[in-house]
Protein backbone atom coordinates (compact mmCIF):
# COMPACT_ATOMS: atom_id res chain seq x y z
CA MET A 1 0.00 0.00 0.00
CA LEU A 2 1.37 3.39 -0.99
CA LEU A 3 1.17 6.14 1.59
CA VAL A 4 1.81 9.72 0.49
CA MET A 5 2.63 12.03 3.42
CA ARG A 6 2.44 15.81 3.35
CA ILE A 7 4.37 17.57 6.11
CA ARG A 8 4.00 21.27 6.87
CA GLU A 9 4.97 23.08 10.10
CA GLY A 10 4.85 19.92 12.16
CA ARG A 11 1.41 18.84 10.95
CA GLN A 12 0.85 15.65 8.99
CA PHE A 13 -1.90 14.81 6.53
CA ALA A 14 -2.11 11.52 4.71
CA ARG A 15 -3.81 10.08 1.68
CA VAL A 16 -3.85 6.32 1.18
CA ASP A 17 -3.78 4.96 -2.36
CA CYS A 18 -5.66 1.69 -1.98
CA ARG A 19 -6.30 0.24 -5.43
CA PHE A 20 -4.87 0.49 -8.90
CA ARG A 21 -6.35 0.19 -12.37
CA SER A 22 -4.87 0.38 -15.84
CA VAL A 23 -5.22 3.38 -18.16
CA SER A 24 -3.42 3.19 -21.51
CA GLY A 25 -1.47 0.25 -20.08
CA LEU A 26 0.10 2.38 -17.35
CA PRO A 27 -0.68 2.43 -13.62
CA VAL A 28 -3.10 5.01 -12.28
CA ALA A 29 -3.96 5.43 -8.59
CA LYS A 30 -7.52 5.35 -7.42
CA THR A 31 -7.48 7.13 -4.09
CA LEU A 32 -9.64 8.02 -1.18
CA PRO A 33 -10.92 11.64 -1.15
CA LYS A 34 -8.17 14.27 -1.17
CA MET A 35 -7.06 15.54 2.21
CA LEU A 36 -7.48 19.08 3.48
CA ALA A 37 -4.80 21.00 1.61
CA VAL A 38 -2.01 23.08 3.15
CA PRO A 39 -0.06 26.01 1.66
CA SER A 40 3.17 24.24 0.74
CA PHE A 41 4.60 20.85 1.42
CA LYS A 42 7.29 18.23 1.34
CA LEU A 43 6.49 14.71 0.27
CA GLY A 44 7.79 11.41 1.48
CA VAL A 45 6.62 7.93 0.64
CA CYS A 46 6.78 4.64 2.49
CA LEU A 47 5.29 1.19 2.03
CA MET A 48 3.09 0.20 4.95
CA ASN A 49 1.21 -2.75 6.26
CA PRO A 50 -2.49 -1.73 6.29
CA SER A 51 -2.84 -3.14 9.82
CA THR A 52 -0.42 -0.60 11.34
CA ALA A 53 -1.70 2.11 13.64
CA LEU A 54 -0.43 4.95 11.45
CA CYS A 55 -2.22 3.58 8.42
CA ARG A 56 -5.46 3.24 10.39
CA PHE A 57 -4.98 6.79 11.68
CA ALA A 58 -4.49 8.08 8.13
CA PHE A 59 -7.70 6.37 7.02
CA VAL A 60 -9.71 7.87 9.90
CA CYS A 61 -8.31 11.34 9.13
CA CYS A 62 -9.27 10.88 5.50
CA VAL A 63 -12.89 10.07 6.36
CA ILE A 64 -13.22 12.95 8.84
CA LEU A 65 -11.60 15.66 6.73
CA SER A 66 -12.82 14.72 3.29
CA SER A 67 -16.20 16.35 3.87
CA ARG A 68 -14.43 19.68 4.40
CA CYS A 69 -12.64 19.32 1.05
CA ALA A 70 -15.63 18.42 -1.07
CA SER A 71 -17.28 21.83 -1.22
CA ALA A 72 -18.76 22.52 -4.63
CA GLY A 73 -17.32 25.20 -6.86
CA ASP A 74 -14.04 25.92 -5.05
CA LEU A 75 -11.44 28.38 -6.37
CA PHE A 76 -9.83 25.77 -8.60
CA ASP A 77 -13.17 25.17 -10.35
CA ARG A 78 -13.84 28.91 -10.66
CA HIS A 79 -10.65 29.58 -12.65
CA SER A 80 -11.97 29.55 -16.23
CA LEU A 81 -10.14 30.01 -19.52
CA ALA A 82 -10.23 33.80 -19.05
CA GLU A 83 -8.42 33.61 -15.70
CA LEU A 84 -5.80 31.19 -17.06
CA LYS A 85 -5.00 33.51 -19.97
CA LEU A 86 -4.89 36.52 -17.65
CA ALA A 87 -2.42 34.76 -15.35
CA THR A 88 -0.04 34.03 -18.24
CA LYS A 89 -0.36 37.38 -20.03
CA GLU A 90 2.83 38.87 -18.55
CA SER A 91 4.51 35.65 -17.45
CA SER A 92 7.41 33.78 -19.02
CA ALA A 93 7.02 30.12 -19.88
CA LEU A 94 8.93 27.66 -17.67
CA ALA A 95 11.65 25.49 -19.18
CA GLU A 96 11.01 22.93 -16.42
CA LEU A 97 9.31 22.66 -13.03
CA SER A 98 10.56 21.08 -9.82
CA ALA A 99 8.74 20.42 -6.54
CA ALA A 100 10.94 23.01 -4.82
CA THR A 101 9.97 25.72 -7.31
CA ALA A 102 6.27 24.89 -7.19
CA ALA A 103 6.27 24.98 -3.37
CA LYS A 104 7.17 28.69 -3.52
CA TRP A 105 3.99 29.63 -5.37
CA GLN A 106 1.10 31.19 -3.50
CA PRO A 107 -1.78 28.71 -2.98
CA LEU A 108 -5.16 29.28 -4.59
CA SER A 109 -6.78 29.36 -1.15
CA ALA A 110 -6.33 28.16 2.43
CA LYS A 111 -8.15 24.96 1.48
CA ILE A 112 -6.21 24.31 -1.74
CA GLY A 113 -2.53 24.10 -0.89
CA SER A 114 -1.31 22.09 -3.86
CA PRO A 115 0.49 24.18 -6.51
CA CYS A 116 -1.46 24.87 -9.68
CA LEU A 117 0.22 24.61 -13.08
CA ILE A 118 -1.14 26.10 -16.32
CA VAL A 119 -0.36 24.20 -19.53
CA GLN A 120 -0.84 25.61 -23.01
CA THR A 121 -1.09 22.39 -24.98
CA ASN A 122 0.29 21.41 -28.36
CA ASP A 123 -3.23 21.69 -29.82
CA GLY A 124 -3.63 25.25 -28.53
CA HIS A 125 -5.90 24.40 -25.60
CA TRP A 126 -5.42 25.53 -22.01
CA SER A 127 -5.24 23.25 -18.97
CA LYS A 128 -5.06 23.81 -15.23
CA VAL A 129 -3.74 21.08 -12.91
CA LEU A 130 -3.08 20.65 -9.19
CA LEU A 131 0.16 18.77 -8.51
CA SER A 132 1.80 16.58 -5.86
CA TRP A 133 5.27 15.07 -5.92
CA GLY A 134 6.32 11.85 -4.23
CA GLN A 135 8.45 8.72 -4.49
CA ARG A 136 7.65 5.03 -4.76
CA LYS A 137 9.86 2.22 -3.61
CA VAL A 138 10.31 -0.33 -6.40
CA LYS A 139 11.65 -3.84 -5.89
CA GLY A 140 15.04 -4.31 -7.50
CA ARG A 141 15.69 -0.56 -7.73
CA GLU A 142 18.18 1.02 -5.34
CA ASN A 143 16.65 4.50 -5.32
CA PRO A 144 12.91 5.26 -5.01
CA LEU A 145 11.12 6.12 -8.25
CA PRO A 146 9.84 9.73 -8.53
CA VAL A 147 6.07 10.00 -8.84
CA LEU A 148 3.89 12.92 -9.94
CA VAL A 149 0.21 12.98 -8.99
CA LEU A 150 -2.13 15.06 -11.15
CA GLU A 151 -4.68 15.63 -8.39
CA ARG A 152 -7.24 17.46 -10.55
CA PHE A 153 -7.05 18.80 -14.08
CA VAL A 154 -9.36 20.48 -16.59
CA THR A 155 -8.50 21.31 -20.22
CA TYR A 156 -10.43 24.16 -21.89
CA ARG A 157 -10.79 24.46 -25.63
CA GLY A 158 -8.84 27.41 -26.97
CA ASP A 159 -11.39 28.07 -29.75
CA ARG A 160 -14.66 27.79 -27.77
CA GLU A 161 -15.02 29.78 -24.56
CA GLY A 162 -16.00 27.61 -21.61
CA GLN A 163 -15.96 24.26 -23.44
CA THR A 164 -13.61 21.48 -22.27
CA THR A 165 -11.77 18.67 -24.03
CA ALA A 166 -10.74 16.62 -20.98
CA ASN A 167 -10.85 16.53 -17.19
CA GLY A 168 -9.84 14.07 -14.51
CA LYS A 169 -8.28 13.51 -11.12
CA GLU A 170 -5.77 11.41 -9.20
CA VAL A 171 -3.64 10.35 -12.17
CA MET A 172 -0.27 8.95 -11.05
CA LEU A 173 2.56 9.67 -13.51
CA PHE A 174 5.79 7.72 -13.01
CA ALA A 175 9.21 8.98 -14.02
CA GLY A 176 9.93 8.37 -17.68
CA HIS A 177 6.29 8.70 -18.76
CA SER A 178 4.36 11.46 -20.53
CA PHE A 179 0.87 12.96 -20.37
CA SER A 180 -1.44 14.61 -22.90
CA PHE A 181 -3.81 17.20 -21.46
CA ASP A 182 -5.62 17.44 -24.79
CA ILE A 183 -7.07 13.94 -24.30
CA GLY A 184 -6.47 13.54 -20.55
CA GLN A 185 -4.37 10.37 -20.88
CA VAL A 186 -0.93 8.98 -20.14
CA VAL A 187 0.67 8.47 -23.55
CA PRO A 188 3.90 6.89 -24.86
CA ASN A 189 6.78 9.23 -25.58
CA GLY A 190 6.44 10.75 -29.04
CA SER A 191 2.65 10.31 -29.14
CA GLY A 192 1.37 13.86 -28.69
CA ALA A 193 2.30 14.45 -25.06
CA ASP A 194 2.28 17.92 -23.51
CA ILE A 195 4.53 17.14 -20.54
CA GLU A 196 7.05 14.52 -19.52
CA PHE A 197 8.11 13.56 -16.00
CA THR A 198 11.82 12.83 -15.68
CA ASP A 199 13.88 10.56 -13.42
CA ALA A 200 15.07 13.74 -11.66
CA GLY A 201 11.49 14.55 -10.66
CA LEU A 202 11.13 17.43 -13.14
CA ILE A 203 8.15 18.34 -15.31
CA LYS A 204 9.22 19.39 -18.79
CA PRO A 205 7.11 20.65 -21.71
CA VAL A 206 7.02 18.55 -24.88
CA GLY A 207 6.86 19.96 -28.41
CA ASP A 208 5.16 23.35 -28.57
CA ALA A 209 3.50 23.03 -25.14
CA LYS A 210 4.17 25.78 -22.60
CA LEU A 211 4.15 25.72 -18.79
CA PHE A 212 3.17 28.60 -16.48
CA GLY A 213 2.78 28.79 -12.72
CA LEU A 214 -0.50 30.04 -11.25
CA ASN A 215 0.93 32.06 -8.37
CA GLY A 216 -2.18 32.63 -6.26
CA SER A 217 -5.81 33.04 -7.19
CA GLN A 218 -6.90 35.23 -10.11
CA ILE A 219 -10.45 35.41 -8.72
CA PRO A 220 -11.25 38.70 -6.91
CA ALA A 221 -11.86 38.36 -3.19
CA ALA A 222 -15.51 38.00 -2.23
CA ASP A 223 -17.23 41.22 -1.30
CA ALA A 224 -17.92 41.16 2.44
CA ALA A 225 -20.81 43.60 1.86
CA LYS A 226 -22.64 41.38 -0.65
CA PRO A 227 -26.42 41.24 -0.16
CA ASN A 228 -27.70 38.88 2.50
CA PRO A 229 -30.92 37.12 1.48
CA ASN A 230 -31.90 36.77 5.12
CA ASP A 231 -31.55 40.40 6.21
CA HIS A 232 -35.11 41.22 5.15
CA GLU A 233 -38.62 39.82 5.24
CA GLY A 234 -40.11 38.23 2.15
CA VAL A 235 -38.31 37.69 -1.16
CA LEU A 236 -36.53 40.24 -3.33
CA PRO A 237 -35.39 39.57 -6.94
CA ARG A 238 -31.72 39.81 -5.87
CA ASP A 239 -32.24 36.81 -3.58
CA PHE A 240 -31.77 34.59 -6.66
CA ALA A 241 -28.16 35.83 -6.94
CA GLY A 242 -25.28 33.64 -5.78
CA ALA A 243 -23.79 30.21 -6.37
CA TRP A 244 -26.19 27.26 -6.42
CA LYS A 245 -25.47 23.54 -6.39
CA VAL A 246 -28.03 22.15 -8.83
CA SER A 247 -29.29 18.72 -9.84
CA ILE A 248 -31.69 18.28 -12.76
CA ASP A 249 -33.31 14.86 -12.51
CA GLY A 250 -30.05 13.55 -11.05
CA ARG A 251 -28.60 13.56 -14.60
CA TRP A 252 -27.30 17.08 -15.08
CA THR A 253 -25.49 18.40 -12.02
CA GLY A 254 -23.21 21.33 -11.42
CA ILE A 255 -23.07 24.92 -10.25
CA TRP A 256 -25.21 27.89 -11.27
CA GLU A 257 -23.41 31.22 -10.85
CA ILE A 258 -26.15 33.88 -11.01
CA LYS A 259 -26.15 37.68 -10.91
CA VAL A 260 -29.34 39.78 -10.83
CA ASP A 261 -29.48 43.47 -11.77
CA GLU A 262 -32.02 46.14 -10.82
CA GLN A 263 -34.15 45.32 -13.88
CA ARG A 264 -34.57 41.72 -12.60
CA THR A 265 -32.35 40.41 -15.40
CA MET A 266 -30.43 37.25 -14.52
CA LEU A 267 -27.03 36.47 -16.07
CA GLY A 268 -24.47 33.82 -15.21
CA LYS A 269 -22.89 30.46 -15.92
CA PHE A 270 -23.73 26.79 -15.51
CA VAL A 271 -20.58 24.80 -14.69
CA SER A 272 -21.11 21.11 -15.43
CA ASP A 273 -19.88 18.58 -12.86
CA ASP A 274 -19.39 16.03 -15.63
CA THR A 275 -17.34 17.92 -18.23
CA LYS A 276 -16.36 21.08 -16.26
CA SER A 277 -17.57 23.08 -19.27
CA ARG A 278 -19.13 26.51 -18.61
CA TYR A 279 -22.42 27.37 -20.35
CA GLU A 280 -24.22 30.71 -20.64
CA LEU A 281 -27.22 31.20 -18.35
CA TYR A 282 -29.71 34.05 -18.61
CA GLY A 283 -33.27 34.87 -17.61
CA LYS A 284 -35.67 37.10 -15.72
CA VAL A 285 -37.26 37.25 -12.28
CA TYR A 286 -41.06 37.53 -12.58
CA ASN A 287 -43.15 40.22 -10.88
CA VAL A 288 -43.85 37.51 -8.33
CA PRO A 289 -40.32 37.83 -6.82
CA HIS A 290 -39.86 34.19 -5.80
CA GLN A 291 -40.42 32.94 -9.39
CA ALA A 292 -37.94 33.14 -12.29
CA LYS A 293 -37.44 31.87 -15.83
CA LEU A 294 -33.96 30.75 -16.94
CA GLU A 295 -32.43 29.58 -20.21
CA ILE A 296 -29.18 27.58 -20.37
CA ASP A 297 -27.41 27.32 -23.72
CA LEU A 298 -25.64 23.97 -23.94
CA ALA A 299 -23.29 23.01 -26.77
CA ASN A 300 -26.05 21.51 -28.96
CA SER A 301 -29.29 22.13 -27.07
CA GLN A 302 -31.02 24.39 -24.58
CA ILE A 303 -32.54 23.89 -21.14
CA SER A 304 -35.52 26.05 -20.10
CA VAL A 305 -35.98 26.36 -16.35
CA ASP A 306 -39.00 27.47 -14.31
CA ALA A 307 -37.62 28.16 -10.83
CA PHE A 308 -39.29 28.87 -7.51
CA LEU A 309 -37.28 30.19 -4.55
CA PHE A 310 -38.17 29.05 -1.04
CA THR A 311 -39.73 32.04 0.75
CA THR A 312 -38.48 31.16 4.24
CA ASP A 313 -34.66 31.06 4.43
CA LYS A 314 -34.18 31.47 0.63
CA SER A 315 -31.56 28.68 0.66
CA THR A 316 -33.26 26.40 -1.88
CA MET A 317 -35.06 26.63 -5.18
CA GLY A 318 -36.93 24.01 -7.13
CA GLY A 319 -39.13 23.61 -10.18
CA THR A 320 -38.97 22.11 -13.64
CA ALA A 321 -36.36 22.03 -16.41
CA THR A 322 -37.40 21.34 -20.03
CA LEU A 323 -34.98 19.75 -22.50
CA ALA A 324 -35.98 18.58 -25.99
CA GLY A 325 -39.65 18.86 -25.09
CA ARG A 326 -39.38 16.75 -21.93
CA LYS A 327 -39.86 18.16 -18.43
CA PHE A 328 -37.71 17.14 -15.47
CA ALA A 329 -37.65 18.15 -11.84
CA PHE A 330 -34.71 20.10 -10.44
CA VAL A 331 -33.50 21.26 -7.03
CA ALA A 332 -30.73 23.76 -6.22
CA THR A 333 -29.19 24.67 -2.87
CA ARG A 334 -27.33 27.88 -2.11
CA GLN A 335 -23.55 27.64 -1.68
CA GLU A 336 -21.64 29.92 0.67
């Protein structure tokens, strides 16, 4: 069993990689939920018997803390193609990236401590990826083998705003192997890779790909004076504004990011949980202020939404969503 330890200022957090499966013929880790992140880190790896106390302790920590890490629509998710391009506008591309260099970057937030790398791919797309470095002890090898974990990644199309080509998480890349962000797969050398991971533990661009560091969040800090839906009686049109975790019939899930102006016009984005693509959302709040009509433009279709906001704490809305002439139920809960 592979145990990856993160050590920062005397505190230890662990993630246990329990099972493996094969992707493109190369090993990929399937892990328990990612631990609460810390600003910067050092990594060490050891092989452990799953019956040991430390391993059991790591598992318990994983279960307890994972709920704190699973909040929908965190700052990593909110960095769209526009923010990635903005971050690289006045930056120089990196010839290579080491763990020591990445550890100096500012984290995206207090809850996302892993360094974030931006990759401009060989096909002209843009990818963001959270990284972890480690080592794995291999039988018959004197020195441990460097390992790179692509904790989460999303690749946006360069020619279509908000659309994605690939996304994934917890991909383990061993030294000597390469990865294509355009298709989200480990690939053989010389087969369209965007990065390679070397025996020295370095990430290097391949071909015309370019690497940039995301040194801190590009998302403006939240306005502390933003409207509070519970500071007044009844419902106002602006109470529809905010981030909402939505599920339409359990099939289409994601985040609605909604803004409402003084004319009751609603504008925003729908961020799909499945593809991480961002779709335009627009609509109007009716004269009855707890009712609204929304339209969501998908890649090849449109969803029409009739929404009703709860009139008590204004934390939930429900109603119907119509796609291709069929109506489905939906529910959305407000995210802090």
